[in-house]
C-alpha atoms as a PDB file:
ATOM      1  CA  UNK A   1      41.610  42.472 -61.219  1.00  0.00           C
ATOM      2  CA  UNK A   2      38.961  41.913 -63.894  1.00  0.00           C
ATOM      3  CA  UNK A   3      39.200  38.160 -63.309  1.00  0.00           C
ATOM      4  CA  UNK A   4      38.693  38.582 -59.554  1.00  0.00           C
ATOM      5  CA  UNK A   5      35.617  40.743 -60.171  1.00  0.00           C
ATOM      6  CA  UNK A   6      34.112  38.101 -62.445  1.00  0.00           C
ATOM      7  CA  UNK A   7      34.663  35.453 -59.766  1.00  0.00           C
ATOM      8  CA  UNK A   8      32.904  37.604 -57.124  1.00  0.00           C
ATOM      9  CA  UNK A   9      29.952  38.220 -59.453  1.00  0.00           C
ATOM     10  CA  UNK A  10      29.649  34.503 -60.206  1.00  0.00           C
ATOM     11  CA  UNK A  11      29.647  33.628 -56.515  1.00  0.00           C
ATOM     12  CA  UNK A  12      26.886  36.175 -55.885  1.00  0.00           C
ATOM     13  CA  UNK A  13      24.716  34.699 -58.641  1.00  0.00           C
ATOM     14  CA  UNK A  14      25.100  31.194 -57.212  1.00  0.00           C
ATOM     15  CA  UNK A  15      24.088  32.446 -53.736  1.00  0.00           C
ATOM     16  CA  UNK A  16      20.927  34.098 -55.086  1.00  0.00           C
ATOM     17  CA  UNK A  17      20.007  30.921 -56.945  1.00  0.00           C
ATOM     18  CA  UNK A  18      20.334  28.818 -53.777  1.00  0.00           C
ATOM     19  CA  UNK A  19      18.125  31.197 -51.777  1.00  0.00           C
ATOM     20  CA  UNK A  20      15.454  31.105 -54.445  1.00  0.00           C
ATOM     21  CA  UNK A  21      15.434  27.310 -54.436  1.00  0.00           C
ATOM     22  CA  UNK A  22      15.113  27.225 -50.623  1.00  0.00           C
ATOM     23  CA  UNK A  23      12.179  29.652 -50.662  1.00  0.00           C
ATOM     24  CA  UNK A  24      10.502  27.588 -53.366  1.00  0.00           C
ATOM     25  CA  UNK A  25      10.958  24.342 -51.401  1.00  0.00           C
ATOM     26  CA  UNK A  26       9.600  25.973 -48.241  1.00  0.00           C
ATOM     27  CA  UNK A  27       6.591  27.245 -50.116  1.00  0.00           C
ATOM     28  CA  UNK A  28       6.037  23.796 -51.605  1.00  0.00           C
ATOM     29  CA  UNK A  29       6.222  22.166 -48.143  1.00  0.00           C
ATOM     30  CA  UNK A  30       3.689  24.626 -46.741  1.00  0.00           C
ATOM     31  CA  UNK A  31       1.372  24.014 -49.669  1.00  0.00           C
ATOM     32  CA  UNK A  32       1.677  20.243 -49.193  1.00  0.00           C
ATOM     33  CA  UNK A  33       0.915  20.520 -45.466  1.00  0.00           C
ATOM     34  CA  UNK A  34      -2.135  22.646 -46.175  1.00  0.00           C
ATOM     35  CA  UNK A  35      -3.314  20.127 -48.738  1.00  0.00           C
ATOM     36  CA  UNK A  36      -2.873  17.205 -46.311  1.00  0.00           C
ATOM     37  CA  UNK A  37      -4.661  19.077 -43.538  1.00  0.00           C
ATOM     38  CA  UNK A  38      -7.585  19.794 -45.846  1.00  0.00           C
ATOM     39  CA  UNK A  39      -7.734  16.098 -46.784  1.00  0.00           C
ATOM     40  CA  UNK A  40      -7.781  14.986 -43.123  1.00  0.00           C
ATOM     41  CA  UNK A  41     -10.522  17.493 -42.334  1.00  0.00           C
ATOM     42  CA  UNK A  42     -12.512  16.285 -45.318  1.00  0.00           C
ATOM     43  CA  UNK A  43     -12.158  12.635 -44.237  1.00  0.00           C
ATOM     44  CA  UNK A  44     -13.347  13.468 -40.691  1.00  0.00           C
ATOM     45  CA  UNK A  45     -17.121  13.698 -40.955  1.00  0.00           C
ATOM     46  CA  UNK A  46     -18.511  15.887 -38.186  1.00  0.00           C
ATOM     47  CA  UNK A  47     -22.023  14.846 -39.107  1.00  0.00           C
ATOM     48  CA  UNK A  48     -21.230  11.182 -38.490  1.00  0.00           C
ATOM     49  CA  UNK A  49     -19.828  11.970 -35.042  1.00  0.00           C
ATOM     50  CA  UNK A  50     -22.795  14.104 -34.155  1.00  0.00           C
ATOM     51  CA  UNK A  51     -25.186  11.422 -35.398  1.00  0.00           C
ATOM     52  CA  UNK A  52     -23.588   8.762 -33.179  1.00  0.00           C
ATOM     53  CA  UNK A  53     -23.661  11.103 -30.202  1.00  0.00           C
ATOM     54  CA  UNK A  54     -27.291  11.991 -30.886  1.00  0.00           C
ATOM     55  CA  UNK A  55     -28.218   8.297 -31.153  1.00  0.00           C
ATOM     56  CA  UNK A  56     -26.609   7.617 -27.765  1.00  0.00           C
ATOM     57  CA  UNK A  57     -28.448  10.574 -26.234  1.00  0.00           C
ATOM     58  CA  UNK A  58     -31.721   9.383 -27.789  1.00  0.00           C
ATOM     59  CA  UNK A  59     -31.272   5.862 -26.347  1.00  0.00           C
ATOM     60  CA  UNK A  60     -30.500   7.323 -22.926  1.00  0.00           C
ATOM     61  CA  UNK A  61     -33.519   9.625 -23.093  1.00  0.00           C
ATOM     62  CA  UNK A  62     -35.763   6.730 -24.178  1.00  0.00           C
ATOM     63  CA  UNK A  63     -34.586   4.613 -21.252  1.00  0.00           C
ATOM     64  CA  UNK A  64     -35.147   7.477 -18.810  1.00  0.00           C
ATOM     65  CA  UNK A  65     -38.643   7.999 -20.246  1.00  0.00           C
ATOM     66  CA  UNK A  66     -39.471   4.311 -19.833  1.00  0.00           C
ATOM     67  CA  UNK A  67     -38.379   4.188 -16.173  1.00  0.00           C
ATOM     68  CA  UNK A  68     -39.621   7.640 -15.152  1.00  0.00           C
ATOM     69  CA  UNK A  69     -43.027   6.362 -13.999  1.00  0.00           C
ATOM     70  CA  UNK A  70     -41.858   3.122 -12.372  1.00  0.00           C
ATOM     71  CA  UNK A  71     -42.581   2.541  -8.694  1.00  0.00           C
ATOM     72  CA  UNK A  72     -40.014   1.874  -5.996  1.00  0.00           C
ATOM     73  CA  UNK A  73     -39.925  -1.350  -4.046  1.00  0.00           C
ATOM     74  CA  UNK A  74     -42.570  -1.469  -1.299  1.00  0.00           C
ATOM     75  CA  UNK A  75     -42.250  -2.621   2.299  1.00  0.00           C
ATOM     76  CA  UNK A  76     -45.350  -4.680   3.146  1.00  0.00           C
ATOM     77  CA  UNK A  77     -44.276  -5.895   6.584  1.00  0.00           C
ATOM     78  CA  UNK A  78     -41.244  -6.056   8.859  1.00  0.00           C
ATOM     79  CA  UNK A  79     -40.257  -7.283  12.281  1.00  0.00           C
ATOM     80  CA  UNK A  80     -37.281  -7.787  14.572  1.00  0.00           C
ATOM     81  CA  UNK A  81     -36.056  -9.400  17.778  1.00  0.00           C
ATOM     82  CA  UNK A  82     -33.022  -8.692  19.964  1.00  0.00           C
ATOM     83  CA  UNK A  83     -30.883 -11.492  21.335  1.00  0.00           C
ATOM     84  CA  UNK A  84     -28.177 -10.727  23.933  1.00  0.00           C
ATOM     85  CA  UNK A  85     -25.825 -12.756  26.100  1.00  0.00           C
ATOM     86  CA  UNK A  86     -22.776 -11.894  28.174  1.00  0.00           C
ATOM     87  CA  UNK A  87     -20.600 -11.523  25.090  1.00  0.00           C
ATOM     88  CA  UNK A  88     -22.608 -10.156  22.198  1.00  0.00           C
ATOM     89  CA  UNK A  89     -25.930  -8.919  20.860  1.00  0.00           C
ATOM     90  CA  UNK A  90     -27.683  -9.703  17.593  1.00  0.00           C
ATOM     91  CA  UNK A  91     -30.600  -7.956  15.997  1.00  0.00           C
ATOM     92  CA  UNK A  92     -32.695 -10.394  13.995  1.00  0.00           C
ATOM     93  CA  UNK A  93     -34.831  -8.734  11.326  1.00  0.00           C
ATOM     94  CA  UNK A  94     -37.188  -9.788   8.555  1.00  0.00           C
ATOM     95  CA  UNK A  95     -38.990  -7.954   5.769  1.00  0.00           C
ATOM     96  CA  UNK A  96     -41.726  -8.667   3.286  1.00  0.00           C
ATOM     97  CA  UNK A  97     -41.279  -6.618   0.115  1.00  0.00           C
ATOM     98  CA  UNK A  98     -43.068  -6.196  -3.194  1.00  0.00           C
ATOM     99  CA  UNK A  99     -41.988  -5.089  -6.656  1.00  0.00           C
ATOM    100  CA  UNK A 100     -45.182  -3.473  -8.017  1.00  0.00           C
ATOM    101  CA  UNK A 101     -43.782  -3.112 -11.544  1.00  0.00           C
ATOM    102  CA  UNK A 102     -45.169  -5.809 -13.827  1.00  0.00           C
ATOM    103  CA  UNK A 103     -42.472  -5.576 -16.525  1.00  0.00           C
ATOM    104  CA  UNK A 104     -39.351  -4.400 -14.664  1.00  0.00           C
ATOM    105  CA  UNK A 105     -37.129  -6.228 -12.201  1.00  0.00           C
ATOM    106  CA  UNK A 106     -35.215  -4.343  -9.496  1.00  0.00           C
ATOM    107  CA  UNK A 107     -31.535  -4.984  -8.766  1.00  0.00           C
ATOM    108  CA  UNK A 108     -30.373  -5.127  -5.133  1.00  0.00           C
ATOM    109  CA  UNK A 109     -32.804  -2.961  -3.172  1.00  0.00           C
ATOM    110  CA  UNK A 110     -31.601  -1.846   0.262  1.00  0.00           C
ATOM    111  CA  UNK A 111     -33.081  -2.113   3.717  1.00  0.00           C
ATOM    112  CA  UNK A 112     -32.071   0.623   6.162  1.00  0.00           C
ATOM    113  CA  UNK A 113     -32.215  -0.558   9.776  1.00  0.00           C
ATOM    114  CA  UNK A 114     -31.965   2.063  12.535  1.00  0.00           C
ATOM    115  CA  UNK A 115     -31.680   0.937  16.160  1.00  0.00           C
ATOM    116  CA  UNK A 116     -32.505   3.353  18.997  1.00  0.00           C
ATOM    117  CA  UNK A 117     -32.281   2.987  22.768  1.00  0.00           C
ATOM    118  CA  UNK A 118     -35.106   3.708  25.212  1.00  0.00           C
ATOM    119  CA  UNK A 119     -34.287   7.439  25.139  1.00  0.00           C
ATOM    120  CA  UNK A 120     -34.432   7.607  21.344  1.00  0.00           C
ATOM    121  CA  UNK A 121     -30.660   7.820  20.922  1.00  0.00           C
ATOM    122  CA  UNK A 122     -29.421   6.100  17.763  1.00  0.00           C
ATOM    123  CA  UNK A 123     -27.301   3.079  18.622  1.00  0.00           C
ATOM    124  CA  UNK A 124     -26.544   2.133  15.038  1.00  0.00           C
ATOM    125  CA  UNK A 125     -27.911   2.361  11.515  1.00  0.00           C
ATOM    126  CA  UNK A 126     -27.130  -0.270   8.921  1.00  0.00           C
ATOM    127  CA  UNK A 127     -27.785  -0.511   5.174  1.00  0.00           C
ATOM    128  CA  UNK A 128     -28.349  -4.103   4.124  1.00  0.00           C
ATOM    129  CA  UNK A 129     -28.618  -5.243   0.502  1.00  0.00           C
ATOM    130  CA  UNK A 130     -31.644  -7.407  -0.211  1.00  0.00           C
ATOM    131  CA  UNK A 131     -31.810  -9.959  -3.037  1.00  0.00           C
ATOM    132  CA  UNK A 132     -32.844  -8.627  -6.440  1.00  0.00           C
ATOM    133  CA  UNK A 133     -36.568  -8.964  -7.054  1.00  0.00           C
ATOM    134  CA  UNK A 134     -38.303 -10.036 -10.252  1.00  0.00           C
ATOM    135  CA  UNK A 135     -41.100  -8.050 -11.883  1.00  0.00           C
ATOM    136  CA  UNK A 136     -44.402  -8.228 -10.006  1.00  0.00           C
ATOM    137  CA  UNK A 137     -42.923 -10.421  -7.270  1.00  0.00           C
ATOM    138  CA  UNK A 138     -43.354 -10.437  -3.474  1.00  0.00           C
ATOM    139  CA  UNK A 139     -40.970 -12.210  -1.106  1.00  0.00           C
ATOM    140  CA  UNK A 140     -39.994 -12.525   2.566  1.00  0.00           C
ATOM    141  CA  UNK A 141     -36.360 -12.307   3.609  1.00  0.00           C
ATOM    142  CA  UNK A 142     -34.589 -12.447   6.974  1.00  0.00           C
ATOM    143  CA  UNK A 143     -31.086 -12.013   8.372  1.00  0.00           C
ATOM    144  CA  UNK A 144     -29.349 -10.539  11.427  1.00  0.00           C
ATOM    145  CA  UNK A 145     -26.767  -7.913  12.243  1.00  0.00           C
ATOM    146  CA  UNK A 146     -24.195  -7.873  15.032  1.00  0.00           C
ATOM    147  CA  UNK A 147     -24.526  -5.173  17.688  1.00  0.00           C
ATOM    148  CA  UNK A 148     -22.197  -4.081  20.493  1.00  0.00           C
ATOM    149  CA  UNK A 149     -22.237  -6.348  23.523  1.00  0.00           C
ATOM    150  CA  UNK A 150     -23.685  -3.601  25.750  1.00  0.00           C
ATOM    151  CA  UNK A 151     -26.955  -3.297  23.771  1.00  0.00           C
ATOM    152  CA  UNK A 152     -29.554  -4.574  26.192  1.00  0.00           C
ATOM    153  CA  UNK A 153     -32.993  -3.594  27.457  1.00  0.00           C
ATOM    154  CA  UNK A 154     -35.648  -1.702  25.555  1.00  0.00           C
ATOM    155  CA  UNK A 155     -34.860  -0.703  22.007  1.00  0.00           C
ATOM    156  CA  UNK A 156     -36.865   0.471  19.020  1.00  0.00           C
ATOM    157  CA  UNK A 157     -36.049  -0.448  15.439  1.00  0.00           C
ATOM    158  CA  UNK A 158     -37.059   1.400  12.287  1.00  0.00           C
ATOM    159  CA  UNK A 159     -36.860  -0.462   8.962  1.00  0.00           C
ATOM    160  CA  UNK A 160     -37.317   1.070   5.521  1.00  0.00           C
ATOM    161  CA  UNK A 161     -36.566  -0.116   1.977  1.00  0.00           C
ATOM    162  CA  UNK A 162     -35.590   1.715  -1.198  1.00  0.00           C
ATOM    163  CA  UNK A 163     -33.919   1.178  -4.550  1.00  0.00           C
ATOM    164  CA  UNK A 164     -31.649   3.218  -6.774  1.00  0.00           C
ATOM    165  CA  UNK A 165     -33.193   4.998  -9.761  1.00  0.00           C
ATOM    166  CA  UNK A 166     -30.862   3.018 -12.051  1.00  0.00           C
ATOM    167  CA  UNK A 167     -31.782  -0.359 -10.543  1.00  0.00           C
ATOM    168  CA  UNK A 168     -34.600  -1.135 -12.986  1.00  0.00           C
ATOM    169  CA  UNK A 169     -34.206  -3.624 -15.817  1.00  0.00           C
ATOM    170  CA  UNK A 170     -36.808  -5.105 -18.140  1.00  0.00           C
ATOM    171  CA  UNK A 171     -37.652  -8.570 -16.862  1.00  0.00           C
ATOM    172  CA  UNK A 172     -37.445 -10.076 -20.360  1.00  0.00           C
ATOM    173  CA  UNK A 173     -33.838  -8.848 -20.651  1.00  0.00           C
ATOM    174  CA  UNK A 174     -32.894  -9.648 -17.060  1.00  0.00           C
ATOM    175  CA  UNK A 175     -31.136 -12.555 -15.381  1.00  0.00           C
ATOM    176  CA  UNK A 176     -33.061 -11.935 -12.152  1.00  0.00           C
ATOM    177  CA  UNK A 177     -34.766 -15.264 -11.518  1.00  0.00           C
ATOM    178  CA  UNK A 178     -38.261 -15.318  -9.979  1.00  0.00           C
ATOM    179  CA  UNK A 179     -38.491 -17.130  -6.644  1.00  0.00           C
ATOM    180  CA  UNK A 180     -40.907 -19.670  -8.132  1.00  0.00           C
ATOM    181  CA  UNK A 181     -37.969 -21.043 -10.137  1.00  0.00           C
ATOM    182  CA  UNK A 182     -36.032 -21.780  -6.919  1.00  0.00           C
ATOM    183  CA  UNK A 183     -37.864 -24.541  -5.048  1.00  0.00           C
ATOM    184  CA  UNK A 184     -36.932 -25.325  -1.457  1.00  0.00           C
ATOM    185  CA  UNK A 185     -37.704 -28.847  -0.191  1.00  0.00           C
ATOM    186  CA  UNK A 186     -36.831 -31.471   2.418  1.00  0.00           C
ATOM    187  CA  UNK A 187     -36.427 -28.835   5.159  1.00  0.00           C
ATOM    188  CA  UNK A 188     -35.529 -29.851   8.717  1.00  0.00           C
ATOM    189  CA  UNK A 189     -35.004 -27.872  11.912  1.00  0.00           C
ATOM    190  CA  UNK A 190     -32.063 -29.216  13.871  1.00  0.00           C
ATOM    191  CA  UNK A 191     -30.548 -28.277  17.218  1.00  0.00           C
ATOM    192  CA  UNK A 192     -28.329 -25.544  15.799  1.00  0.00           C
ATOM    193  CA  UNK A 193     -29.118 -25.425  12.076  1.00  0.00           C
ATOM    194  CA  UNK A 194     -31.714 -25.704   9.342  1.00  0.00           C
ATOM    195  CA  UNK A 195     -31.103 -28.068   6.449  1.00  0.00           C
ATOM    196  CA  UNK A 196     -32.797 -28.804   3.166  1.00  0.00           C
ATOM    197  CA  UNK A 197     -32.424 -28.789  -0.598  1.00  0.00           C
ATOM    198  CA  UNK A 198     -32.907 -26.132  -3.255  1.00  0.00           C
ATOM    199  CA  UNK A 199     -33.674 -26.852  -6.923  1.00  0.00           C
ATOM    200  CA  UNK A 200     -32.711 -24.391  -9.635  1.00  0.00           C
ATOM    201  CA  UNK A 201     -35.512 -24.728 -12.233  1.00  0.00           C
ATOM    202  CA  UNK A 202     -34.289 -21.772 -14.304  1.00  0.00           C
ATOM    203  CA  UNK A 203     -32.109 -22.064 -17.408  1.00  0.00           C
ATOM    204  CA  UNK A 204     -29.241 -20.159 -15.753  1.00  0.00           C
ATOM    205  CA  UNK A 205     -26.346 -21.355 -13.593  1.00  0.00           C
ATOM    206  CA  UNK A 206     -26.672 -19.494 -10.290  1.00  0.00           C
ATOM    207  CA  UNK A 207     -25.215 -18.665  -6.913  1.00  0.00           C
ATOM    208  CA  UNK A 208     -28.019 -18.571  -4.336  1.00  0.00           C
ATOM    209  CA  UNK A 209     -28.938 -17.165  -0.941  1.00  0.00           C
ATOM    210  CA  UNK A 210     -31.130 -19.262   1.332  1.00  0.00           C
ATOM    211  CA  UNK A 211     -32.925 -17.418   4.141  1.00  0.00           C
ATOM    212  CA  UNK A 212     -34.805 -18.771   7.144  1.00  0.00           C
ATOM    213  CA  UNK A 213     -37.562 -16.346   8.205  1.00  0.00           C
ATOM    214  CA  UNK A 214     -38.762 -16.590  11.827  1.00  0.00           C
ATOM    215  CA  UNK A 215     -42.298 -15.727  12.966  1.00  0.00           C
ATOM    216  CA  UNK A 216     -44.050 -15.446  16.316  1.00  0.00           C
ATOM    217  CA  UNK A 217     -47.823 -15.321  16.585  1.00  0.00           C
ATOM    218  CA  UNK A 218     -47.838 -14.889  12.822  1.00  0.00           C
ATOM    219  CA  UNK A 219     -45.568 -11.822  12.896  1.00  0.00           C
ATOM    220  CA  UNK A 220     -42.088 -11.488  11.429  1.00  0.00           C
ATOM    221  CA  UNK A 221     -39.347 -11.518  14.062  1.00  0.00           C
ATOM    222  CA  UNK A 222     -36.085 -12.127  12.200  1.00  0.00           C
ATOM    223  CA  UNK A 223     -34.004 -14.523  10.168  1.00  0.00           C
ATOM    224  CA  UNK A 224     -30.746 -16.271   9.328  1.00  0.00           C
ATOM    225  CA  UNK A 225     -29.158 -16.916   5.929  1.00  0.00           C
ATOM    226  CA  UNK A 226     -26.481 -18.825   4.072  1.00  0.00           C
ATOM    227  CA  UNK A 227     -25.038 -19.024   0.552  1.00  0.00           C
ATOM    228  CA  UNK A 228     -25.220 -21.924  -1.876  1.00  0.00           C
ATOM    229  CA  UNK A 229     -22.819 -21.517  -4.798  1.00  0.00           C
ATOM    230  CA  UNK A 230     -22.561 -23.071  -8.248  1.00  0.00           C
ATOM    231  CA  UNK A 231     -26.091 -24.403  -8.606  1.00  0.00           C
ATOM    232  CA  UNK A 232     -26.337 -25.286 -12.291  1.00  0.00           C
ATOM    233  CA  UNK A 233     -29.561 -24.995 -14.252  1.00  0.00           C
ATOM    234  CA  UNK A 234     -31.820 -27.917 -13.406  1.00  0.00           C
ATOM    235  CA  UNK A 235     -29.689 -29.089 -10.461  1.00  0.00           C
ATOM    236  CA  UNK A 236     -30.617 -29.659  -6.817  1.00  0.00           C
ATOM    237  CA  UNK A 237     -28.183 -28.852  -4.021  1.00  0.00           C
ATOM    238  CA  UNK A 238     -28.262 -29.326  -0.242  1.00  0.00           C
ATOM    239  CA  UNK A 239     -27.941 -26.377   2.141  1.00  0.00           C
ATOM    240  CA  UNK A 240     -27.381 -25.762   5.844  1.00  0.00           C
ATOM    241  CA  UNK A 241     -28.244 -22.511   7.594  1.00  0.00           C
ATOM    242  CA  UNK A 242     -26.345 -22.341  10.881  1.00  0.00           C
ATOM    243  CA  UNK A 243     -27.812 -20.679  13.961  1.00  0.00           C
ATOM    244  CA  UNK A 244     -25.053 -18.528  15.433  1.00  0.00           C
ATOM    245  CA  UNK A 245     -26.876 -17.695  18.665  1.00  0.00           C
ATOM    246  CA  UNK A 246     -29.345 -19.194  21.110  1.00  0.00           C
ATOM    247  CA  UNK A 247     -32.195 -17.062  19.801  1.00  0.00           C
ATOM    248  CA  UNK A 248     -35.371 -19.134  20.117  1.00  0.00           C
ATOM    249  CA  UNK A 249     -38.147 -16.597  20.629  1.00  0.00           C
ATOM    250  CA  UNK A 250     -40.224 -17.769  17.669  1.00  0.00           C
ATOM    251  CA  UNK A 251     -42.907 -20.348  17.054  1.00  0.00           C
ATOM    252  CA  UNK A 252     -42.720 -20.757  13.269  1.00  0.00           C
ATOM    253  CA  UNK A 253     -40.401 -20.378  10.336  1.00  0.00           C
ATOM    254  CA  UNK A 254     -40.240 -20.635   6.555  1.00  0.00           C
ATOM    255  CA  UNK A 255     -37.352 -20.954   4.119  1.00  0.00           C
ATOM    256  CA  UNK A 256     -36.881 -19.151   0.808  1.00  0.00           C
ATOM    257  CA  UNK A 257     -34.158 -19.094  -1.858  1.00  0.00           C
ATOM    258  CA  UNK A 258     -32.988 -16.172  -3.994  1.00  0.00           C
ATOM    259  CA  UNK A 259     -30.569 -15.687  -6.873  1.00  0.00           C
ATOM    260  CA  UNK A 260     -27.492 -13.981  -5.418  1.00  0.00           C
END
């Protein structure tokens, strides 16, 4: 009996010892986790994060301040002509635009072209991207848009231009090439096309647009365009602008090239 009692007491002591060790280990683990968490928090520098964020905000604010007073692209002149046959109608349009900012180029301004019938009803409205324009530059550009085949008779056309508030870029940092660096030469008017050569005098390899701008009595009346790709710096490449209609209501034309 006494021996059994001693065995029970010994078992109880061993159980208490094991529980104490478990509580001690648990406490040690918690302490270690707290210590590691404190170390991670110490290594993470809130001030550094805030400084980077503040620097980004400062750069953004500086850029907004620099462009806040810049002027939008200006429409100096525009014109149009309607060509229709039994199958289709084309609206030929041309614009003369100016970038009045002497230090900032403008990326991809837009021309909005609204066509109305004789009663003032809107037939269509189209947004057409124009070539990017270098700082302080003026250029003429022409193209055409397809209309429904039943557009005939008297129409009126309203043309406006605008650019996005984020379209400005300092000319010195820009790859927008001034038109003077894209020389058009050896131009010929053929039965159904216009041919010539364009020389890329810039130091950039470019894809180009070539536009034929039509005039009548000295006024803009429309245009056609084509693309000339892979014109390396210093190279000259031939182009052909096809005439997709029988439009001939003009008495003069000029050709200009633009970086695409």
